[in-house]
Amino acid sequence: MKKPVRIGIAGLGWRGAGLLEVLLSMKNVTVPALWDPDPGLAGQAHARIKQAGLSPAEIYPGKMRDYSRMVERDDLDAVIIASTWDVKASMAVAGMKAGKYVGVEVPAALTVEECWDLVNTCEETGVPCMMLENWSFCRDNLAVLNMIRAGVFGEIVHCHCAHSHNCIDWYFDKEGNPRWSGKFLLKRNADPYPTHGLGPVLSWMDINCGDQFATLASTATSSSGINRQFELRFGPDHPAARRRYRQADIVTTVVKTHRGKTLVINNDMQLPRPYDDRWMIQGTDGLYDEARSAVYIHGRSPRREQWEPFARYRKQYGHSWWKELRGKPVKVAQHGGPDYLEIMKFVEAVRTRTAPPIDIYDSVAMSVIIPLSEQSIAAGGVPVECPDFTRGKWKKRKAAFAPEP
């Protein structure tokens, strides 16, 4: 029988509760400890653990000192952090210092200083920290990664990614009051949520293992969409419709890498629209377009300069990780297969004491877009330098994400 993996959870809202369901569906995984500022949420999670037939978890109150006591426990191998954005980095640091593997929900940090704290702690302690970016594990994205590594698109030169999703009801409650996430829209103007777009892109473009972000420039629209949605919902005199929001409706960031590649990151989360990620990766021999679910490959696509369906390439280049999901209860996960796969791989790393699939350098490379975009927007869209969190190791590091046998 495999050695049990013992994982504590910090933060038991919608996301934390969903990750708990995934853990409870896995064999030889226990959850001895829970932390949350809301006793009701902690109580629901505690009841769910008992319902699953596991030993009751100890509940810790929602102060940082209580979290610190939790991660010092001898019967924990790892901690999963699904708390509010403002405390994730400090919680991850405390977890690593306590010798616990850390899985931290997105984003892992909000400031450049927090990113460096995560890197320095990980390097000093030797304890891994993985940001749980689920879109890195999507079936199509992993198939595209295999195509890139097989040279199908030639040399990669450009990428576009976006997180386009009307999240007003995630940021604000039914009366228009800001939830904890909505409070960031009142005081910051940045790309507040870049990691879903960037998740697959880092491995597609060999970021931190052959190339790295060099400079970043961000531009922002005006802020009108939030007010308009509340005006339509509540009327023009409602406080939510009249409130001033610093966050722009759409933020567009252009990154240039040290190897001369370019990347466009688009954040579009406050306007009425259908959900859309809009990944596009382009090389010297062809490109993939997620929105069309199509590819064009020079000299290979049947019709000259016309799209062909991605479906047959998905089958031909399907990643072995998705074969490992056969027979797994992936439907318990909030986003299905990608969520289940990322937690499954994190648990495997904890059990075998090996490196998790997303390392600390990739975690902070995705997260640092938030403060850097804020800096660039505030300065009128001028380019800002991206920190080298690897301290030069990117030049010789080999690609480690999602290797095939």
Protein backbone atom coordinates (compact mmCIF):
# COMPACT_ATOMS: atom_id res chain seq x y z
CA MET A 1 0.00 0.00 0.00
CA LYS A 2 1.24 3.48 -0.82
CA LYS A 3 2.32 5.71 2.02
CA PRO A 4 -0.50 8.06 3.10
CA VAL A 5 -0.07 11.72 2.20
CA ARG A 6 -1.25 14.11 4.93
CA ILE A 7 -2.37 17.51 3.70
CA GLY A 8 -3.73 20.52 5.56
CA ILE A 9 -5.95 23.08 3.84
CA ALA A 10 -5.91 26.83 4.51
CA GLY A 11 -8.92 28.62 3.07
CA LEU A 12 -12.21 26.74 2.69
CA GLY A 13 -14.35 28.94 0.48
CA TRP A 14 -15.55 27.79 -2.93
CA ARG A 15 -12.07 26.94 -4.19
CA GLY A 16 -10.73 25.37 -1.01
CA ALA A 17 -13.86 23.26 -0.60
CA GLY A 18 -13.51 22.08 -4.20
CA LEU A 19 -9.89 21.05 -3.70
CA LEU A 20 -10.92 19.19 -0.54
CA GLU A 21 -13.35 17.12 -2.64
CA VAL A 22 -10.51 16.12 -4.95
CA LEU A 23 -8.30 15.08 -2.02
CA LEU A 24 -11.13 13.09 -0.44
CA SER A 25 -11.57 11.14 -3.68
CA MET A 26 -7.95 9.96 -3.65
CA LYS A 27 -6.70 6.82 -1.95
CA ASN A 28 -4.16 7.12 0.86
CA VAL A 29 -4.67 10.85 1.30
CA THR A 30 -5.79 12.31 4.63
CA VAL A 31 -6.66 15.85 5.75
CA PRO A 32 -5.69 16.21 9.43
CA ALA A 33 -6.00 20.00 9.74
CA LEU A 34 -8.12 22.90 8.46
CA TRP A 35 -7.72 26.70 8.71
CA ASP A 36 -10.23 29.39 7.85
CA PRO A 37 -11.38 32.72 9.33
CA ASP A 38 -15.01 31.62 8.85
CA PRO A 39 -16.00 28.97 11.44
CA GLY A 40 -18.97 28.00 9.30
CA LEU A 41 -16.85 27.12 6.28
CA ALA A 42 -14.38 25.24 8.46
CA GLY A 43 -17.24 23.34 10.08
CA GLN A 44 -18.68 22.32 6.71
CA ALA A 45 -15.31 21.01 5.59
CA HIS A 46 -14.88 19.15 8.89
CA ALA A 47 -18.26 17.49 8.43
CA ARG A 48 -17.38 16.54 4.84
CA ILE A 49 -14.17 14.83 6.02
CA LYS A 50 -16.12 12.80 8.60
CA GLN A 51 -18.70 11.93 5.95
CA ALA A 52 -15.89 10.56 3.77
CA GLY A 53 -14.95 8.17 6.58
CA LEU A 54 -11.65 9.83 7.52
CA SER A 55 -10.47 10.79 10.97
CA PRO A 56 -11.81 14.19 12.07
CA ALA A 57 -9.61 17.16 11.22
CA GLU A 58 -8.50 19.72 13.77
CA ILE A 59 -9.87 23.19 13.01
CA TYR A 60 -7.63 26.23 13.45
CA PRO A 61 -9.07 29.78 13.78
CA GLY A 62 -8.35 32.38 11.14
CA LYS A 63 -5.34 34.23 12.54
CA MET A 64 -1.86 33.95 11.05
CA ARG A 65 -0.49 32.66 14.35
CA ASP A 66 -3.04 29.84 14.21
CA TYR A 67 -1.98 28.99 10.67
CA SER A 68 1.66 28.94 11.83
CA ARG A 69 0.70 26.48 14.57
CA MET A 70 -1.05 24.30 12.00
CA VAL A 71 1.90 24.01 9.61
CA GLU A 72 4.23 23.12 12.50
CA ARG A 73 2.32 19.89 13.06
CA ASP A 74 4.35 16.70 12.76
CA ASP A 75 1.49 14.87 11.05
CA LEU A 76 1.39 17.12 7.97
CA ASP A 77 3.39 16.52 4.80
CA ALA A 78 1.97 19.45 2.84
CA VAL A 79 -0.41 22.37 2.92
CA ILE A 80 -2.74 23.63 0.22
CA ILE A 81 -3.43 27.38 0.43
CA ALA A 82 -6.70 28.64 -1.04
CA SER A 83 -7.08 31.77 1.08
CA THR A 84 -7.51 35.39 0.01
CA TRP A 85 -4.85 36.90 -2.24
CA ASP A 86 -3.37 39.22 0.37
CA VAL A 87 -2.08 36.44 2.67
CA LYS A 88 -1.12 33.66 0.26
CA ALA A 89 2.55 34.58 -0.09
CA SER A 90 3.17 34.92 3.66
CA MET A 91 1.35 31.63 4.27
CA ALA A 92 3.40 29.88 1.61
CA VAL A 93 6.61 31.21 3.18
CA ALA A 94 5.54 29.95 6.60
CA GLY A 95 4.68 26.55 5.15
CA MET A 96 8.08 26.14 3.50
CA LYS A 97 9.90 27.26 6.66
CA ALA A 98 7.99 24.57 8.52
CA GLY A 99 9.26 21.98 6.04
CA LYS A 100 5.90 21.38 4.37
CA TYR A 101 5.36 21.08 0.63
CA VAL A 102 3.21 24.02 -0.45
CA GLY A 103 0.48 24.11 -3.08
CA VAL A 104 -0.76 27.69 -3.34
CA GLU A 105 -3.75 28.80 -5.37
CA VAL A 106 -3.43 31.59 -7.95
CA PRO A 107 -1.94 34.09 -7.79
CA ALA A 108 0.93 33.13 -5.50
CA ALA A 109 1.97 36.74 -4.79
CA LEU A 110 0.85 40.33 -5.33
CA THR A 111 4.13 42.26 -5.12
CA VAL A 112 7.66 41.93 -6.44
CA GLU A 113 8.86 41.68 -2.83
CA GLU A 114 6.51 38.78 -2.12
CA CYS A 115 7.78 37.00 -5.23
CA TRP A 116 11.36 37.32 -3.99
CA ASP A 117 10.31 36.13 -0.51
CA LEU A 118 8.89 32.97 -2.07
CA VAL A 119 11.98 32.33 -4.20
CA ASN A 120 14.45 33.02 -1.39
CA THR A 121 12.58 30.83 1.08
CA CYS A 122 12.27 27.97 -1.40
CA GLU A 123 15.99 28.13 -2.19
CA GLU A 124 17.06 28.48 1.44
CA THR A 125 14.86 25.68 2.80
CA GLY A 126 14.94 23.34 -0.20
CA VAL A 127 11.18 22.86 0.26
CA PRO A 128 9.11 23.01 -2.96
CA CYS A 129 6.28 25.47 -3.57
CA MET A 130 3.89 24.96 -6.49
CA MET A 131 1.32 27.46 -7.65
CA LEU A 132 -1.82 25.51 -8.53
CA GLU A 133 -2.39 26.89 -12.04
CA ASN A 134 -4.91 24.42 -13.40
CA TRP A 135 -4.96 25.66 -17.01
CA SER A 136 -1.39 24.37 -17.38
CA PHE A 137 -2.95 20.89 -17.19
CA CYS A 138 -5.71 21.23 -19.80
CA ARG A 139 -5.84 18.40 -22.31
CA ASP A 140 -5.52 20.60 -25.39
CA ASN A 141 -2.76 22.72 -23.87
CA LEU A 142 -0.66 19.66 -23.09
CA ALA A 143 -1.20 18.32 -26.62
CA VAL A 144 -0.04 21.67 -28.02
CA LEU A 145 3.03 21.42 -25.78
CA ASN A 146 3.84 18.03 -27.31
CA MET A 147 3.43 19.50 -30.79
CA ILE A 148 5.81 22.34 -29.97
CA ARG A 149 8.41 19.97 -28.53
CA ALA A 150 8.07 17.80 -31.66
CA GLY A 151 8.89 20.86 -33.78
CA VAL A 152 5.53 20.91 -35.57
CA PHE A 153 5.26 24.71 -35.48
CA GLY A 154 8.95 25.36 -36.06
CA GLU A 155 10.67 27.94 -33.91
CA ILE A 156 8.18 29.69 -31.63
CA VAL A 157 8.21 33.46 -32.08
CA HIS A 158 4.96 34.87 -30.64
CA CYS A 159 2.07 34.05 -28.35
CA HIS A 160 -1.23 35.63 -27.33
CA CYS A 161 -3.19 34.65 -24.24
CA ALA A 162 -6.19 36.12 -22.46
CA HIS A 163 -8.46 35.57 -19.53
CA SER A 164 -11.80 36.86 -20.81
CA HIS A 165 -14.65 36.18 -18.44
CA ASN A 166 -17.29 38.46 -16.92
CA CYS A 167 -16.47 38.09 -13.21
CA ILE A 168 -18.67 40.85 -11.76
CA ASP A 169 -20.58 38.35 -9.62
CA TRP A 170 -17.29 36.93 -8.36
CA TYR A 171 -15.99 40.36 -7.39
CA PHE A 172 -19.27 41.71 -5.93
CA ASP A 173 -22.26 40.32 -4.04
CA LYS A 174 -25.91 40.50 -5.11
CA GLU A 175 -26.28 44.00 -3.62
CA GLY A 176 -23.19 45.30 -5.41
CA ASN A 177 -20.95 45.31 -2.33
CA PRO A 178 -17.32 44.32 -2.95
CA ARG A 179 -16.31 40.85 -1.89
CA TRP A 180 -12.69 40.46 -0.72
CA SER A 181 -11.62 40.09 -4.36
CA GLY A 182 -13.64 43.14 -5.46
CA LYS A 183 -11.80 45.37 -3.02
CA PHE A 184 -8.70 45.08 -5.20
CA LEU A 185 -10.61 46.70 -8.07
CA LEU A 186 -11.17 49.78 -5.92
CA LYS A 187 -7.52 50.45 -5.16
CA ARG A 188 -5.38 48.94 -7.95
CA ASN A 189 -5.13 49.27 -11.72
CA ALA A 190 -3.24 46.26 -13.03
CA ASP A 191 -3.71 42.90 -14.65
CA PRO A 192 -5.07 41.32 -11.46
CA TYR A 193 -5.41 37.76 -12.75
CA PRO A 194 -2.78 36.84 -15.36
CA THR A 195 -1.99 33.28 -14.39
CA HIS A 196 -4.77 31.41 -16.23
CA GLY A 197 -3.62 32.83 -19.53
CA LEU A 198 0.04 32.32 -18.74
CA GLY A 199 -0.23 28.79 -17.34
CA PRO A 200 0.40 26.83 -20.56
CA VAL A 201 2.40 29.64 -22.17
CA LEU A 202 5.46 29.31 -19.93
CA SER A 203 6.17 25.78 -21.11
CA TRP A 204 5.16 26.58 -24.71
CA MET A 205 7.78 29.35 -24.81
CA ASP A 206 10.47 27.71 -22.62
CA ILE A 207 10.29 30.51 -20.05
CA ASN A 208 12.82 29.94 -17.24
CA CYS A 209 14.39 27.07 -19.19
CA GLY A 210 16.03 28.59 -22.25
CA ASP A 211 14.33 31.97 -22.32
CA GLN A 212 12.92 34.48 -19.89
CA PHE A 213 10.77 37.60 -19.68
CA ALA A 214 12.95 40.67 -20.24
CA THR A 215 10.62 43.68 -20.35
CA LEU A 216 6.92 44.32 -19.93
CA ALA A 217 4.67 47.19 -21.03
CA SER A 218 1.01 47.46 -20.05
CA THR A 219 -1.79 49.71 -21.22
CA ALA A 220 -5.24 50.08 -19.69
CA THR A 221 -8.60 51.29 -20.92
CA SER A 222 -10.85 53.56 -18.92
CA SER A 223 -12.97 52.09 -16.14
CA SER A 224 -16.59 52.15 -17.29
CA GLY A 225 -17.84 48.59 -17.50
CA ILE A 226 -18.40 47.91 -13.80
CA ASN A 227 -20.44 51.08 -13.37
CA ARG A 228 -22.47 50.28 -16.48
CA GLN A 229 -23.33 46.76 -15.34
CA PHE A 230 -24.50 48.02 -11.95
CA GLU A 231 -26.41 50.88 -13.60
CA LEU A 232 -28.32 48.36 -15.70
CA ARG A 233 -28.88 46.13 -12.69
CA PHE A 234 -29.76 48.66 -9.98
CA GLY A 235 -30.30 52.02 -11.68
CA PRO A 236 -27.94 55.01 -12.18
CA ASP A 237 -28.22 56.30 -8.59
CA HIS A 238 -27.24 53.08 -6.86
CA PRO A 239 -23.97 53.38 -4.86
CA ALA A 240 -22.40 50.53 -6.84
CA ALA A 241 -23.18 52.31 -10.10
CA ARG A 242 -21.69 55.60 -8.86
CA ARG A 243 -18.65 54.16 -7.06
CA ARG A 244 -15.19 54.92 -8.48
CA TYR A 245 -13.20 51.86 -9.55
CA ARG A 246 -9.49 52.21 -10.25
CA GLN A 247 -9.35 48.95 -12.20
CA ALA A 248 -9.52 49.41 -15.98
CA ASP A 249 -11.98 47.36 -17.98
CA ILE A 250 -9.29 45.78 -20.15
CA VAL A 251 -5.55 45.59 -19.56
CA THR A 252 -3.20 44.59 -22.36
CA THR A 253 0.39 43.65 -21.57
CA VAL A 254 3.17 43.07 -24.09
CA VAL A 255 6.19 41.09 -22.92
CA LYS A 256 9.46 40.74 -24.80
CA THR A 257 11.80 37.89 -23.91
CA HIS A 258 15.58 37.83 -23.84
CA ARG A 259 15.54 35.64 -26.97
CA GLY A 260 13.44 38.16 -28.90
CA LYS A 261 10.04 36.44 -28.61
CA THR A 262 6.90 38.44 -27.85
CA LEU A 263 3.84 37.68 -25.77
CA VAL A 264 0.53 39.54 -25.44
CA ILE A 265 -1.42 39.02 -22.19
CA ASN A 266 -4.99 40.30 -22.14
CA ASN A 267 -7.16 40.71 -19.04
CA ASP A 268 -10.88 41.22 -19.75
CA MET A 269 -12.91 40.35 -16.65
CA GLN A 270 -15.41 43.18 -16.11
CA LEU A 271 -17.39 43.51 -19.33
CA PRO A 272 -20.41 41.44 -20.43
CA ARG A 273 -19.09 38.65 -22.62
CA PRO A 274 -18.95 34.85 -22.97
CA TYR A 275 -16.03 33.01 -21.42
CA ASP A 276 -12.96 32.89 -23.67
CA ASP A 277 -9.25 32.24 -23.06
CA ARG A 278 -7.99 33.02 -26.59
CA TRP A 279 -4.67 31.19 -26.66
CA MET A 280 -2.64 31.49 -29.86
CA ILE A 281 0.92 30.26 -30.29
CA GLN A 282 2.81 30.98 -33.51
CA GLY A 283 6.05 29.66 -34.95
CA THR A 284 8.04 29.80 -38.15
CA ASP A 285 6.14 26.80 -39.60
CA GLY A 286 2.59 27.34 -38.35
CA LEU A 287 0.30 28.16 -35.46
CA TYR A 288 -2.41 26.95 -33.10
CA ASP A 289 -5.53 29.00 -32.33
CA GLU A 290 -7.60 27.92 -29.33
CA ALA A 291 -10.59 30.13 -30.17
CA ARG A 292 -10.96 28.39 -33.54
CA SER A 293 -9.84 25.00 -32.17
CA ALA A 294 -7.70 24.91 -35.28
CA VAL A 295 -4.15 24.81 -36.58
CA TYR A 296 -2.37 25.80 -39.74
CA ILE A 297 0.94 24.10 -40.54
CA HIS A 298 2.88 25.19 -43.60
CA GLY A 299 3.43 22.31 -46.02
CA ARG A 300 1.28 19.97 -43.95
CA SER A 301 -2.21 21.42 -43.71
CA PRO A 302 -4.30 20.09 -46.63
CA ARG A 303 -5.36 23.47 -48.00
CA ARG A 304 -2.94 26.35 -48.51
CA GLU A 305 -3.25 29.04 -45.83
CA GLN A 306 -6.53 27.72 -44.43
CA TRP A 307 -7.29 26.42 -40.95
CA GLU A 308 -7.77 22.74 -40.26
CA PRO A 309 -9.47 21.25 -37.15
CA PHE A 310 -7.30 20.64 -34.13
CA ALA A 311 -9.13 17.42 -33.22
CA ARG A 312 -6.86 14.99 -35.07
CA TYR A 313 -3.75 16.63 -33.65
CA ARG A 314 -5.22 16.39 -30.16
CA LYS A 315 -5.49 12.64 -30.70
CA GLN A 316 -2.07 12.26 -32.30
CA TYR A 317 -0.20 14.39 -29.76
CA GLY A 318 -2.30 13.69 -26.68
CA HIS A 319 -0.26 13.82 -23.49
CA SER A 320 0.30 10.69 -21.42
CA TRP A 321 -0.85 12.50 -18.27
CA TRP A 322 -4.41 12.45 -19.56
CA LYS A 323 -4.21 8.71 -20.05
CA GLU A 324 -3.45 8.47 -16.33
CA LEU A 325 -6.86 10.01 -15.62
CA ARG A 326 -8.75 7.04 -17.03
CA GLY A 327 -10.87 5.58 -14.28
CA LYS A 328 -10.28 8.52 -11.94
CA PRO A 329 -13.29 10.39 -10.47
CA VAL A 330 -12.42 13.61 -12.31
CA LYS A 331 -16.01 14.88 -12.09
CA VAL A 332 -15.55 15.68 -8.40
CA ALA A 333 -13.18 18.49 -9.44
CA GLN A 334 -14.60 21.95 -10.11
CA HIS A 335 -13.09 22.19 -13.59
CA GLY A 336 -12.93 18.47 -14.28
CA GLY A 337 -9.75 16.90 -15.56
CA PRO A 338 -7.31 19.83 -15.25
CA ASP A 339 -8.09 20.34 -11.55
CA TYR A 340 -7.89 16.65 -10.76
CA LEU A 341 -4.65 16.24 -12.70
CA GLU A 342 -2.86 19.14 -11.01
CA ILE A 343 -3.74 17.89 -7.51
CA MET A 344 -2.89 14.31 -8.46
CA LYS A 345 0.57 15.42 -9.63
CA PHE A 346 1.07 17.58 -6.54
CA VAL A 347 0.18 14.66 -4.26
CA GLU A 348 2.54 12.36 -6.20
CA ALA A 349 5.38 14.85 -5.69
CA VAL A 350 4.67 15.04 -1.96
CA ARG A 351 4.52 11.25 -1.65
CA THR A 352 7.78 10.66 -3.54
CA ARG A 353 9.53 13.79 -2.17
CA THR A 354 10.27 14.95 -5.71
CA ALA A 355 9.83 18.27 -7.49
CA PRO A 356 6.22 19.26 -8.28
CA PRO A 357 5.36 19.97 -11.94
CA ILE A 358 5.24 23.77 -11.51
CA ASP A 359 8.25 25.10 -9.63
CA ILE A 360 8.76 28.31 -7.69
CA TYR A 361 10.32 30.16 -10.64
CA ASP A 362 7.33 29.54 -12.89
CA SER A 363 4.96 30.37 -10.02
CA VAL A 364 6.46 33.83 -9.49
CA ALA A 365 6.95 34.49 -13.22
CA MET A 366 3.18 34.26 -13.64
CA SER A 367 2.36 36.20 -10.48
CA VAL A 368 4.79 39.10 -10.96
CA ILE A 369 2.78 40.31 -13.95
CA ILE A 370 0.37 41.87 -11.43
CA PRO A 371 2.76 44.39 -9.83
CA LEU A 372 4.78 44.98 -13.00
CA SER A 373 1.66 45.77 -15.03
CA GLU A 374 0.57 48.16 -12.28
CA GLN A 375 3.95 49.92 -12.44
CA SER A 376 3.84 50.22 -16.23
CA ILE A 377 0.25 51.52 -16.33
CA ALA A 378 1.01 54.12 -13.65
CA ALA A 379 4.01 55.34 -15.69
CA GLY A 380 1.98 55.73 -18.88
CA GLY A 381 2.62 52.33 -20.40
CA VAL A 382 6.41 52.48 -20.45
CA PRO A 383 8.37 49.21 -20.45
CA VAL A 384 9.60 47.96 -17.07
CA GLU A 385 12.29 45.39 -16.47
CA CYS A 386 11.23 41.91 -15.38
CA PRO A 387 13.23 40.49 -12.44
CA ASP A 388 15.40 37.44 -13.05
CA PHE A 389 14.15 35.22 -10.25
CA THR A 390 16.36 32.36 -11.48
CA ARG A 391 19.50 34.51 -11.08
CA GLY A 392 20.73 33.50 -14.52
CA LYS A 393 19.90 29.80 -14.24
CA TRP A 394 17.30 30.11 -17.04
CA LYS A 395 20.12 30.07 -19.61
CA LYS A 396 21.05 26.46 -18.80
CA ARG A 397 17.95 25.00 -17.12
CA LYS A 398 16.24 22.18 -19.02
CA ALA A 399 12.49 22.04 -19.53
CA ALA A 400 10.96 20.10 -16.66
CA PHE A 401 7.19 20.59 -16.98
CA ALA A 402 5.14 17.65 -18.23
CA PRO A 403 7.91 15.45 -19.68
CA GLU A 404 6.83 12.47 -21.74
CA PRO A 405 8.30 9.03 -21.00
